[in-house]
Protein backbone atom coordinates (compact mmCIF):
# COMPACT_ATOMS: atom_id res chain seq x y z
CA UNK A 1 -0.11 0.03 0.11
CA UNK A 2 1.41 3.26 -1.08
CA UNK A 3 1.81 5.84 1.68
CA UNK A 4 -0.78 8.63 1.86
CA UNK A 5 1.78 11.41 1.75
CA UNK A 6 2.64 10.03 -2.01
CA UNK A 7 -0.44 11.09 -2.97
CA UNK A 8 -0.38 14.63 -1.67
CA UNK A 9 1.22 16.62 -4.43
CA UNK A 10 2.61 19.21 -2.30
CA UNK A 11 4.44 16.82 0.20
CA UNK A 12 5.69 14.80 -2.80
CA UNK A 13 7.09 17.81 -4.33
CA UNK A 14 8.47 18.80 -1.10
CA UNK A 15 10.19 15.44 -0.62
CA UNK A 16 11.77 15.30 -4.37
CA UNK A 17 13.07 18.82 -3.84
CA UNK A 18 14.88 17.64 -0.62
CA UNK A 19 16.20 14.62 -1.90
CA UNK A 20 17.07 16.12 -5.53
CA UNK A 21 16.39 12.74 -7.22
CA UNK A 22 13.69 11.37 -9.22
CA UNK A 23 10.90 9.44 -7.65
CA UNK A 24 12.17 6.18 -6.57
CA UNK A 25 13.58 4.25 -3.64
CA UNK A 26 14.51 7.43 -1.38
CA UNK A 27 10.97 9.33 -1.83
CA UNK A 28 9.20 6.10 -1.27
CA UNK A 29 11.28 5.07 1.89
CA UNK A 30 11.10 8.80 3.29
CA UNK A 31 7.34 8.94 2.54
CA UNK A 32 6.53 5.63 4.19
CA UNK A 33 8.76 6.72 7.28
CA UNK A 34 6.67 10.02 7.67
CA UNK A 35 3.43 8.18 7.12
CA UNK A 36 4.14 5.57 9.72
CA UNK A 37 5.74 7.70 12.39
CA UNK A 38 3.68 11.30 11.75
CA UNK A 39 7.07 12.83 11.84
CA UNK A 40 8.40 15.94 9.85
CA UNK A 41 10.19 15.50 6.68
CA UNK A 42 13.55 16.69 8.35
CA UNK A 43 13.01 14.04 11.17
CA UNK A 44 12.51 11.33 8.94
CA UNK A 45 15.94 12.12 7.02
CA UNK A 46 17.70 12.09 9.90
CA UNK A 47 16.27 8.78 11.20
CA UNK A 48 17.11 7.18 7.87
CA UNK A 49 20.63 8.63 7.92
CA UNK A 50 20.98 7.16 11.68
CA UNK A 51 19.63 3.53 10.18
CA UNK A 52 22.20 3.89 7.30
CA UNK A 53 19.55 3.80 4.85
CA UNK A 54 20.66 7.52 3.44
CA UNK A 55 23.88 9.46 3.75
CA UNK A 56 24.56 13.25 3.99
CA UNK A 57 25.80 15.02 0.94
CA UNK A 58 26.73 18.70 0.57
CA UNK A 59 25.43 20.53 -2.24
CA UNK A 60 27.69 23.45 -3.81
CA UNK A 61 29.31 23.82 -0.40
CA UNK A 62 26.30 24.85 1.24
CA UNK A 63 25.43 23.85 4.87
CA UNK A 64 22.18 22.26 4.01
CA UNK A 65 22.51 18.58 4.06
CA UNK A 66 20.75 16.12 1.21
CA UNK A 67 20.33 12.58 1.27
CA UNK A 68 20.64 9.53 -1.28
CA UNK A 69 21.27 6.01 -1.30
CA UNK A 70 24.39 4.39 0.10
CA UNK A 71 24.58 2.16 -2.80
CA UNK A 72 23.98 4.72 -5.37
CA UNK A 73 26.14 3.96 -8.50
CA UNK A 74 29.77 5.66 -8.12
CA UNK A 75 29.24 6.16 -4.49
CA UNK A 76 30.79 3.91 -1.74
């Protein structure tokens, strides 16, 4: 069953803008975490990072931290 948050365009767009990736594993995992725990997008990102399901990535030297899969091609 798809998380209800993925059916809300504004939430889905916000998730994708945070992740900077096409819809897929990351967005689905994040949305399921938000839906299950009723937490914020940011809290869910940090939870996934702590569990090793995502890793921090600096973007253009900015202090913002973005997340992507650990096993993404070209990254260890």
